[in-house]
Structure formats: structure tokens, C-alpha cells
Amino acid sequence: MKQKHRNTSHTSRTAAKPAAAAKPVAGAKRPIGDKRPIGDKRPIGDKRPVGDKPVGDKRPVGDKPVGDKRPTGARGPARSLRPARAAAPAAAPTRAPQPKEQEDFSVTSCSCDNCRAACQNAPGWFMPNQIPALARHLGLSVEETFRKYLAIGVTRLADGTERSGVMPHKLRDGKKPGSRWSLAEIAQPGRCIFFDRGKCSIYAGRPYECARMMHDRGDQTIRLRKRIIPKWTDAALAPFLKLAGAAAVKRRGRP
């Protein structure tokens, strides 16, 4: 019996082994075969000079950066082409609120002899808006203030017309506060009801005419009265005329 012949050749028993892959150089961080200079961060195969445009940028070398919409060759930092916003107008300086005028009745002395003489003969006229302040100072209503301390005076203008306004009551025998005075009665001297022992008890709130009287200049006195008269309109005077009329009826004993 014949024995089979075995091939003892080494090459016949094992397959050929593939070539081993090249080992990377110890400590190298770049791929094997990268021939770029050390520090060159361009992609492999990019043969443009170091510092040139990014890959894919087809603009000529030296052109403006990507996103810069300025004309080619423009200098200076890139600027937005959007129109600049107009600066907001400067806010006007706010004015501090002014404190309300205080009703100061603390000053009571009169230092002018002419003023004292006027207070004992012919007190001046109020402006309509002064009477409510006077009433608050006295702690009374406007009606009570008129009935206790005031009167309706009268003056004759150059054209012969007569005009009326409110003044302090003049202390005269037989004449009561809250009355209406005639020209003849006004001509008679009488002390102002607020003038006591050389002092005005409502000095800071005294009548407008008293506060501005120019005793040594008669022309100024006339012009001052003419400035007050227009303020006493029919509407402003009507409540006091009504009060004076009611007081006169009461004094005559009528119901």
C-alpha cells in the first residue's frame, strides 16, 4: 500500500503575511508624509504661501476680508453701510417745582409815616384773589370775613363813571362792616379796621393798593387804582354786593 506524500515545505503550509504598516515617528503630531514646515496649519496639499487666503476664497490676493462691503482699497476699519441713527435730542433740563406761595402774616410793623396816615384815613383796595387768603388767615369763611371786616368802596373815574371794589372797613360812627360806601362817605377819614396801635394785623396780606402805594407820587397812586379796577368785574363783585344788600335789609329790620 502506497503512503500519501505530505508536503513539508514551509511556504506551502502558511499563507503569505501582509506587509506591516509603517509606524508613526515617536512624538510626531502630524500625519506621516506631511511635508509642510513645522507650524504650518494649512490643510495637507495646500501649496499656497503661508498667510494667504482661506481655502475656497477665490478673490484676488490682497482683496478685502470676507464680509467687508466697503469698496476695494478702502482704508480704516470696516464700517456698516446702514445709515447712522440720528442722535436723540438732549432732554430739556427739568425745572424744579416751585413751592407754593406761603401765606405769611408774621410781619406787622409799618415804618412809613405816610403809610400810617393812609391807614388812619383811607385804606386801599384788595384784589379779588386776596380775599380767600385773608379769610383762611382769620379762620373764617369769605362771607364771614366780609361781614366782620370788609366793605365795598367806590371811586369816580375821569369820565364820570363810578366803579366799586372791596376794601377794609373804615371805623366810623354809625357805619357797620359789610356795608356799601358812597363817595361822600369815602371822602370822610376813618381808621382801617386792621390798623391797631401803629401796626397792621394783616401786614403780609394787606390790600394790593396798600402794599404798592407811592404816597409822594400822586400820578402813581392814580395809575395803581386804575390797575385794580378792571379786576373787579361784575362777576367778581356780585357776591359782595349781595352780602352788602342782605346786611342792609337786616339792619333796616326787614324780613
C-alpha atoms as a PDB file:
ATOM      1  CA  MET A   1       0.000   0.000   0.000  1.00  0.00           C
ATOM      2  CA  LYS A   2       1.336   3.356  -1.037  1.00  0.00           C
ATOM      3  CA  GLN A   3       1.603   6.182   1.537  1.00  0.00           C
ATOM      4  CA  LYS A   4       0.454   9.605   0.569  1.00  0.00           C
ATOM      5  CA  HIS A   5       3.256  12.104   0.188  1.00  0.00           C
ATOM      6  CA  ARG A   6       2.972  15.126   2.557  1.00  0.00           C
ATOM      7  CA  ASN A   7       4.283  18.474   1.502  1.00  0.00           C
ATOM      8  CA  THR A   8       6.521  19.551   4.260  1.00  0.00           C
ATOM      9  CA  SER A   9       7.503  22.788   2.618  1.00  0.00           C
ATOM     10  CA  HIS A  10       7.047  25.749   4.977  1.00  0.00           C
ATOM     11  CA  THR A  11       5.654  28.024   2.287  1.00  0.00           C
ATOM     12  CA  SER A  12       3.008  25.607   1.412  1.00  0.00           C
ATOM     13  CA  ARG A  13       1.707  25.347   4.977  1.00  0.00           C
ATOM     14  CA  THR A  14       1.267  29.106   5.784  1.00  0.00           C
ATOM     15  CA  ALA A  15      -0.191  31.932   3.737  1.00  0.00           C
ATOM     16  CA  ALA A  16       1.956  34.899   2.929  1.00  0.00           C
ATOM     17  CA  LYS A  17       1.662  37.654   5.618  1.00  0.00           C
ATOM     18  CA  PRO A  18       0.784  41.230   4.534  1.00  0.00           C
ATOM     19  CA  ALA A  19       3.415  43.915   4.848  1.00  0.00           C
ATOM     20  CA  ALA A  20       3.348  45.651   8.198  1.00  0.00           C
ATOM     21  CA  ALA A  21       2.049  49.252   8.185  1.00  0.00           C
ATOM     22  CA  ALA A  22       4.597  51.933   8.680  1.00  0.00           C
ATOM     23  CA  LYS A  23       4.815  53.012  12.287  1.00  0.00           C
ATOM     24  CA  PRO A  24       4.483  56.736  13.068  1.00  0.00           C
ATOM     25  CA  VAL A  25       7.555  58.502  14.247  1.00  0.00           C
ATOM     26  CA  ALA A  26       7.577  58.737  18.000  1.00  0.00           C
ATOM     27  CA  GLY A  27       6.467  62.245  19.245  1.00  0.00           C
ATOM     28  CA  ALA A  28       5.266  63.474  15.835  1.00  0.00           C
ATOM     29  CA  LYS A  29       1.819  65.138  15.915  1.00  0.00           C
ATOM     30  CA  ARG A  30       1.374  65.460  12.161  1.00  0.00           C
ATOM     31  CA  PRO A  31       0.391  62.593   9.849  1.00  0.00           C
ATOM     32  CA  ILE A  32       3.237  60.621   8.237  1.00  0.00           C
ATOM     33  CA  GLY A  33       4.029  62.044   4.873  1.00  0.00           C
ATOM     34  CA  ASP A  34       3.132  65.617   5.880  1.00  0.00           C
ATOM     35  CA  LYS A  35       5.927  67.637   4.323  1.00  0.00           C
ATOM     36  CA  ARG A  36       4.637  71.054   5.493  1.00  0.00           C
ATOM     37  CA  PRO A  37       7.009  73.139   7.603  1.00  0.00           C
ATOM     38  CA  ILE A  38       6.546  72.888  11.347  1.00  0.00           C
ATOM     39  CA  GLY A  39       3.906  75.401  12.457  1.00  0.00           C
ATOM     40  CA  ASP A  40       2.156  75.496   9.074  1.00  0.00           C
ATOM     41  CA  LYS A  41      -1.530  74.986   9.751  1.00  0.00           C
ATOM     42  CA  ARG A  42      -2.683  74.851   6.151  1.00  0.00           C
ATOM     43  CA  PRO A  43      -4.543  71.745   5.032  1.00  0.00           C
ATOM     44  CA  ILE A  44      -2.382  68.964   3.513  1.00  0.00           C
ATOM     45  CA  GLY A  45      -1.968  69.627  -0.169  1.00  0.00           C
ATOM     46  CA  ASP A  46      -2.477  73.389   0.110  1.00  0.00           C
ATOM     47  CA  LYS A  47       0.546  74.753  -1.767  1.00  0.00           C
ATOM     48  CA  ARG A  48      -0.287  78.449  -1.378  1.00  0.00           C
ATOM     49  CA  PRO A  49       2.161  80.647   0.536  1.00  0.00           C
ATOM     50  CA  VAL A  50       1.732  80.713   4.314  1.00  0.00           C
ATOM     51  CA  GLY A  51      -0.692  83.523   5.364  1.00  0.00           C
ATOM     52  CA  ASP A  52      -2.628  83.504   2.093  1.00  0.00           C
ATOM     53  CA  LYS A  53      -6.448  83.483   1.835  1.00  0.00           C
ATOM     54  CA  PRO A  54      -8.511  80.612   3.293  1.00  0.00           C
ATOM     55  CA  VAL A  55      -9.165  77.609   1.083  1.00  0.00           C
ATOM     56  CA  GLY A  56     -12.112  78.288  -1.227  1.00  0.00           C
ATOM     57  CA  ASP A  57     -11.653  82.050  -1.238  1.00  0.00           C
ATOM     58  CA  LYS A  58     -11.410  82.891  -4.949  1.00  0.00           C
ATOM     59  CA  ARG A  59     -10.947  86.640  -4.563  1.00  0.00           C
ATOM     60  CA  PRO A  60      -7.664  88.172  -5.736  1.00  0.00           C
ATOM     61  CA  VAL A  61      -4.839  88.197  -3.231  1.00  0.00           C
ATOM     62  CA  GLY A  62      -4.922  91.403  -1.180  1.00  0.00           C
ATOM     63  CA  ASP A  63      -8.692  91.891  -1.533  1.00  0.00           C
ATOM     64  CA  LYS A  64     -10.795  92.977   1.472  1.00  0.00           C
ATOM     65  CA  PRO A  65     -11.783  90.443   4.156  1.00  0.00           C
ATOM     66  CA  VAL A  66     -14.860  88.280   3.818  1.00  0.00           C
ATOM     67  CA  GLY A  67     -17.981  90.263   4.850  1.00  0.00           C
ATOM     68  CA  ASP A  68     -16.351  93.649   4.293  1.00  0.00           C
ATOM     69  CA  LYS A  69     -18.721  95.569   1.998  1.00  0.00           C
ATOM     70  CA  ARG A  70     -16.505  98.611   1.622  1.00  0.00           C
ATOM     71  CA  PRO A  71     -15.124  99.412  -1.841  1.00  0.00           C
ATOM     72  CA  THR A  72     -11.885  97.586  -2.677  1.00  0.00           C
ATOM     73  CA  GLY A  73      -8.901  99.569  -1.432  1.00  0.00           C
ATOM     74  CA  ALA A  74     -10.822 101.385   1.293  1.00  0.00           C
ATOM     75  CA  ARG A  75      -8.735 102.041   4.397  1.00  0.00           C
ATOM     76  CA  GLY A  76      -9.579 102.016   8.015  1.00  0.00           C
ATOM     77  CA  PRO A  77     -11.853  99.673   9.981  1.00  0.00           C
ATOM     78  CA  ALA A  78     -14.859  98.154   8.260  1.00  0.00           C
ATOM     79  CA  ARG A  79     -17.999 100.255   8.681  1.00  0.00           C
ATOM     80  CA  SER A  80     -21.625  99.301   8.391  1.00  0.00           C
ATOM     81  CA  LEU A  81     -23.401 100.592   5.298  1.00  0.00           C
ATOM     82  CA  ARG A  82     -26.600 101.127   7.302  1.00  0.00           C
ATOM     83  CA  PRO A  83     -27.443 104.802   7.817  1.00  0.00           C
ATOM     84  CA  ALA A  84     -26.322 106.121  11.165  1.00  0.00           C
ATOM     85  CA  ARG A  85     -29.033 106.757  13.693  1.00  0.00           C
ATOM     86  CA  ALA A  86     -29.741 110.367  14.432  1.00  0.00           C
ATOM     87  CA  ALA A  87     -28.665 111.273  17.923  1.00  0.00           C
ATOM     88  CA  ALA A  88     -31.569 111.682  20.287  1.00  0.00           C
ATOM     89  CA  PRO A  89     -32.186 115.340  21.141  1.00  0.00           C
ATOM     90  CA  ALA A  90     -30.869 116.324  24.506  1.00  0.00           C
ATOM     91  CA  ALA A  91     -33.590 116.333  27.084  1.00  0.00           C
ATOM     92  CA  ALA A  92     -34.558 119.790  28.247  1.00  0.00           C
ATOM     93  CA  PRO A  93     -33.457 120.445  31.797  1.00  0.00           C
ATOM     94  CA  THR A  94     -36.325 119.775  34.132  1.00  0.00           C
ATOM     95  CA  ARG A  95     -37.384 122.714  36.164  1.00  0.00           C
ATOM     96  CA  ALA A  96     -37.661 122.072  39.852  1.00  0.00           C
ATOM     97  CA  PRO A  97     -41.226 122.536  41.086  1.00  0.00           C
ATOM     98  CA  GLN A  98     -41.665 125.878  42.692  1.00  0.00           C
ATOM     99  CA  PRO A  99     -43.063 125.862  46.216  1.00  0.00           C
ATOM    100  CA  LYS A 100     -46.495 127.335  46.608  1.00  0.00           C
ATOM    101  CA  GLU A 101     -46.602 130.861  47.890  1.00  0.00           C
ATOM    102  CA  GLN A 102     -46.859 130.841  51.641  1.00  0.00           C
ATOM    103  CA  GLU A 103     -49.431 132.960  53.433  1.00  0.00           C
ATOM    104  CA  ASP A 104     -47.090 134.847  55.720  1.00  0.00           C
ATOM    105  CA  PHE A 105     -48.755 137.230  58.131  1.00  0.00           C
ATOM    106  CA  SER A 106     -45.829 137.434  60.552  1.00  0.00           C
ATOM    107  CA  VAL A 107     -44.665 141.000  59.724  1.00  0.00           C
ATOM    108  CA  THR A 108     -46.926 143.546  61.427  1.00  0.00           C
ATOM    109  CA  SER A 109     -44.982 146.777  61.765  1.00  0.00           C
ATOM    110  CA  CYS A 110     -45.272 149.804  59.464  1.00  0.00           C
ATOM    111  CA  SER A 111     -42.188 152.007  59.262  1.00  0.00           C
ATOM    112  CA  CYS A 112     -43.542 154.723  56.962  1.00  0.00           C
ATOM    113  CA  ASP A 113     -45.368 157.747  58.383  1.00  0.00           C
ATOM    114  CA  ASN A 114     -47.278 158.178  55.131  1.00  0.00           C
ATOM    115  CA  CYS A 115     -48.484 154.577  55.358  1.00  0.00           C
ATOM    116  CA  ARG A 116     -49.698 155.114  58.900  1.00  0.00           C
ATOM    117  CA  ALA A 117     -51.543 158.221  57.801  1.00  0.00           C
ATOM    118  CA  ALA A 118     -53.214 156.297  54.970  1.00  0.00           C
ATOM    119  CA  CYS A 119     -54.230 153.503  57.360  1.00  0.00           C
ATOM    120  CA  GLN A 120     -55.981 156.073  59.548  1.00  0.00           C
ATOM    121  CA  ASN A 121     -57.800 157.801  56.724  1.00  0.00           C
ATOM    122  CA  ALA A 122     -58.275 155.790  53.517  1.00  0.00           C
ATOM    123  CA  PRO A 123     -57.293 152.097  53.372  1.00  0.00           C
ATOM    124  CA  GLY A 124     -56.509 150.713  49.928  1.00  0.00           C
ATOM    125  CA  TRP A 125     -58.401 148.173  47.835  1.00  0.00           C
ATOM    126  CA  PHE A 126     -57.891 144.416  47.680  1.00  0.00           C
ATOM    127  CA  MET A 127     -57.527 142.336  44.544  1.00  0.00           C
ATOM    128  CA  PRO A 128     -60.339 139.743  44.283  1.00  0.00           C
ATOM    129  CA  ASN A 129     -57.957 136.792  44.747  1.00  0.00           C
ATOM    130  CA  GLN A 130     -56.608 138.196  48.035  1.00  0.00           C
ATOM    131  CA  ILE A 131     -59.820 137.830  49.990  1.00  0.00           C
ATOM    132  CA  PRO A 132     -59.913 133.997  50.193  1.00  0.00           C
ATOM    133  CA  ALA A 133     -56.337 134.027  51.577  1.00  0.00           C
ATOM    134  CA  LEU A 134     -57.339 136.620  54.162  1.00  0.00           C
ATOM    135  CA  ALA A 135     -60.351 134.523  55.171  1.00  0.00           C
ATOM    136  CA  ARG A 136     -58.129 131.465  55.704  1.00  0.00           C
ATOM    137  CA  HIS A 137     -55.776 133.512  57.872  1.00  0.00           C
ATOM    138  CA  LEU A 138     -58.664 134.713  60.026  1.00  0.00           C
ATOM    139  CA  GLY A 139     -60.152 131.208  60.221  1.00  0.00           C
ATOM    140  CA  LEU A 140     -63.426 132.386  58.704  1.00  0.00           C
ATOM    141  CA  SER A 141     -65.376 131.891  55.524  1.00  0.00           C
ATOM    142  CA  VAL A 142     -65.264 134.574  52.837  1.00  0.00           C
ATOM    143  CA  GLU A 143     -68.823 135.628  53.747  1.00  0.00           C
ATOM    144  CA  GLU A 144     -67.989 135.949  57.457  1.00  0.00           C
ATOM    145  CA  THR A 145     -64.798 137.862  56.661  1.00  0.00           C
ATOM    146  CA  PHE A 146     -66.720 140.366  54.553  1.00  0.00           C
ATOM    147  CA  ARG A 147     -69.457 140.880  57.147  1.00  0.00           C
ATOM    148  CA  LYS A 148     -66.985 141.434  60.020  1.00  0.00           C
ATOM    149  CA  TYR A 149     -64.042 143.245  58.425  1.00  0.00           C
ATOM    150  CA  LEU A 150     -64.625 144.442  54.850  1.00  0.00           C
ATOM    151  CA  ALA A 151     -66.693 146.906  52.880  1.00  0.00           C
ATOM    152  CA  ILE A 152     -67.472 147.898  49.273  1.00  0.00           C
ATOM    153  CA  GLY A 153     -65.718 151.112  48.302  1.00  0.00           C
ATOM    154  CA  VAL A 154     -66.379 153.323  45.307  1.00  0.00           C
ATOM    155  CA  THR A 155     -64.291 155.607  43.095  1.00  0.00           C
ATOM    156  CA  ARG A 156     -65.129 158.006  40.280  1.00  0.00           C
ATOM    157  CA  LEU A 157     -63.156 157.873  37.052  1.00  0.00           C
ATOM    158  CA  ALA A 158     -62.182 160.840  34.891  1.00  0.00           C
ATOM    159  CA  ASP A 159     -65.123 160.193  32.547  1.00  0.00           C
ATOM    160  CA  GLY A 160     -67.569 160.467  35.467  1.00  0.00           C
ATOM    161  CA  THR A 161     -68.354 156.757  35.808  1.00  0.00           C
ATOM    162  CA  GLU A 162     -68.217 155.085  39.207  1.00  0.00           C
ATOM    163  CA  ARG A 163     -66.563 151.763  39.879  1.00  0.00           C
ATOM    164  CA  SER A 164     -66.571 149.650  43.023  1.00  0.00           C
ATOM    165  CA  GLY A 165     -64.171 147.270  44.774  1.00  0.00           C
ATOM    166  CA  VAL A 166     -63.656 145.631  48.166  1.00  0.00           C
ATOM    167  CA  MET A 167     -61.596 147.348  50.873  1.00  0.00           C
ATOM    168  CA  PRO A 168     -61.106 147.037  54.654  1.00  0.00           C
ATOM    169  CA  HIS A 169     -63.889 148.569  56.694  1.00  0.00           C
ATOM    170  CA  LYS A 170     -63.264 152.111  57.968  1.00  0.00           C
ATOM    171  CA  LEU A 171     -64.115 152.580  61.631  1.00  0.00           C
ATOM    172  CA  ARG A 172     -66.713 155.327  61.590  1.00  0.00           C
ATOM    173  CA  ASP A 173     -69.623 156.067  63.919  1.00  0.00           C
ATOM    174  CA  GLY A 174     -72.808 154.588  62.588  1.00  0.00           C
ATOM    175  CA  LYS A 175     -71.179 152.585  59.769  1.00  0.00           C
ATOM    176  CA  LYS A 176     -71.021 148.828  60.094  1.00  0.00           C
ATOM    177  CA  PRO A 177     -68.720 146.306  58.395  1.00  0.00           C
ATOM    178  CA  GLY A 178     -70.159 144.569  55.362  1.00  0.00           C
ATOM    179  CA  SER A 179     -71.673 147.809  54.047  1.00  0.00           C
ATOM    180  CA  ARG A 180     -71.518 149.648  50.758  1.00  0.00           C
ATOM    181  CA  TRP A 181     -69.942 153.105  50.889  1.00  0.00           C
ATOM    182  CA  SER A 182     -70.866 156.198  48.906  1.00  0.00           C
ATOM    183  CA  LEU A 183     -68.428 158.774  47.509  1.00  0.00           C
ATOM    184  CA  ALA A 184     -69.355 161.229  50.285  1.00  0.00           C
ATOM    185  CA  GLU A 185     -68.694 158.640  52.984  1.00  0.00           C
ATOM    186  CA  ILE A 186     -65.422 157.596  51.390  1.00  0.00           C
ATOM    187  CA  ALA A 187     -64.265 161.229  51.480  1.00  0.00           C
ATOM    188  CA  GLN A 188     -64.546 161.277  55.303  1.00  0.00           C
ATOM    189  CA  PRO A 189     -61.452 159.930  57.155  1.00  0.00           C
ATOM    190  CA  GLY A 190     -61.693 156.682  59.049  1.00  0.00           C
ATOM    191  CA  ARG A 191     -59.226 154.251  60.544  1.00  0.00           C
ATOM    192  CA  CYS A 192     -58.713 150.884  58.863  1.00  0.00           C
ATOM    193  CA  ILE A 193     -60.235 148.091  60.930  1.00  0.00           C
ATOM    194  CA  PHE A 194     -56.949 146.136  60.703  1.00  0.00           C
ATOM    195  CA  PHE A 195     -54.788 149.024  61.949  1.00  0.00           C
ATOM    196  CA  ASP A 196     -54.229 148.808  65.701  1.00  0.00           C
ATOM    197  CA  ARG A 197     -51.718 150.792  67.806  1.00  0.00           C
ATOM    198  CA  GLY A 198     -49.497 151.664  64.882  1.00  0.00           C
ATOM    199  CA  LYS A 199     -49.428 148.141  63.409  1.00  0.00           C
ATOM    200  CA  CYS A 200     -51.225 146.296  60.632  1.00  0.00           C
ATOM    201  CA  SER A 201     -52.574 142.957  61.841  1.00  0.00           C
ATOM    202  CA  ILE A 202     -52.594 141.538  58.277  1.00  0.00           C
ATOM    203  CA  TYR A 203     -49.434 143.239  57.024  1.00  0.00           C
ATOM    204  CA  ALA A 204     -48.198 140.482  54.663  1.00  0.00           C
ATOM    205  CA  GLY A 205     -51.744 140.027  53.350  1.00  0.00           C
ATOM    206  CA  ARG A 206     -52.643 143.715  53.300  1.00  0.00           C
ATOM    207  CA  PRO A 207     -54.572 145.131  50.328  1.00  0.00           C
ATOM    208  CA  TYR A 208     -52.764 145.226  46.998  1.00  0.00           C
ATOM    209  CA  GLU A 209     -53.081 149.000  46.878  1.00  0.00           C
ATOM    210  CA  CYS A 210     -51.672 149.465  50.386  1.00  0.00           C
ATOM    211  CA  ALA A 211     -48.615 147.346  49.588  1.00  0.00           C
ATOM    212  CA  ARG A 212     -47.761 149.359  46.455  1.00  0.00           C
ATOM    213  CA  MET A 213     -48.876 152.865  47.370  1.00  0.00           C
ATOM    214  CA  MET A 214     -46.483 155.677  46.383  1.00  0.00           C
ATOM    215  CA  HIS A 215     -47.537 158.478  48.750  1.00  0.00           C
ATOM    216  CA  ASP A 216     -45.090 161.010  47.361  1.00  0.00           C
ATOM    217  CA  ARG A 217     -46.165 160.477  43.725  1.00  0.00           C
ATOM    218  CA  GLY A 218     -49.798 161.225  43.063  1.00  0.00           C
ATOM    219  CA  ASP A 219     -49.705 160.106  39.435  1.00  0.00           C
ATOM    220  CA  GLN A 220     -48.555 156.623  40.516  1.00  0.00           C
ATOM    221  CA  THR A 221     -51.430 156.428  43.007  1.00  0.00           C
ATOM    222  CA  ILE A 222     -53.979 157.105  40.278  1.00  0.00           C
ATOM    223  CA  ARG A 223     -52.452 154.559  37.941  1.00  0.00           C
ATOM    224  CA  LEU A 224     -52.380 151.988  40.734  1.00  0.00           C
ATOM    225  CA  ARG A 225     -56.126 152.353  41.337  1.00  0.00           C
ATOM    226  CA  LYS A 226     -56.741 152.048  37.601  1.00  0.00           C
ATOM    227  CA  ARG A 227     -54.830 148.776  37.571  1.00  0.00           C
ATOM    228  CA  ILE A 228     -57.069 147.329  40.304  1.00  0.00           C
ATOM    229  CA  ILE A 229     -60.443 148.465  38.951  1.00  0.00           C
ATOM    230  CA  PRO A 230     -60.553 146.112  35.900  1.00  0.00           C
ATOM    231  CA  LYS A 231     -60.079 143.117  38.203  1.00  0.00           C
ATOM    232  CA  TRP A 232     -63.341 143.904  39.939  1.00  0.00           C
ATOM    233  CA  THR A 233     -65.601 142.663  37.193  1.00  0.00           C
ATOM    234  CA  ASP A 234     -69.360 142.325  37.683  1.00  0.00           C
ATOM    235  CA  ALA A 235     -68.874 138.607  38.365  1.00  0.00           C
ATOM    236  CA  ALA A 236     -66.154 139.230  40.967  1.00  0.00           C
ATOM    237  CA  LEU A 237     -68.145 141.936  42.746  1.00  0.00           C
ATOM    238  CA  ALA A 238     -71.580 140.280  42.610  1.00  0.00           C
ATOM    239  CA  PRO A 239     -71.216 138.039  45.732  1.00  0.00           C
ATOM    240  CA  PHE A 240     -70.168 141.005  47.883  1.00  0.00           C
ATOM    241  CA  LEU A 241     -72.937 143.245  46.576  1.00  0.00           C
ATOM    242  CA  LYS A 242     -75.387 140.517  47.506  1.00  0.00           C
ATOM    243  CA  LEU A 243     -73.938 140.230  51.016  1.00  0.00           C
ATOM    244  CA  ALA A 244     -73.969 144.023  51.484  1.00  0.00           C
ATOM    245  CA  GLY A 245     -77.575 144.213  50.289  1.00  0.00           C
ATOM    246  CA  ALA A 246     -78.659 141.443  52.643  1.00  0.00           C
ATOM    247  CA  ALA A 247     -76.905 143.162  55.551  1.00  0.00           C
ATOM    248  CA  ALA A 248     -78.589 146.493  54.752  1.00  0.00           C
ATOM    249  CA  VAL A 249     -82.024 144.860  54.686  1.00  0.00           C
ATOM    250  CA  LYS A 250     -81.332 143.152  58.001  1.00  0.00           C
ATOM    251  CA  ARG A 251     -80.269 146.423  59.625  1.00  0.00           C
ATOM    252  CA  ARG A 252     -83.475 148.112  58.496  1.00  0.00           C
ATOM    253  CA  GLY A 253     -85.406 145.381  60.235  1.00  0.00           C
ATOM    254  CA  ARG A 254     -86.963 143.862  57.123  1.00  0.00           C
ATOM    255  CA  PRO A 255     -87.520 140.118  56.942  1.00  0.00           C
END
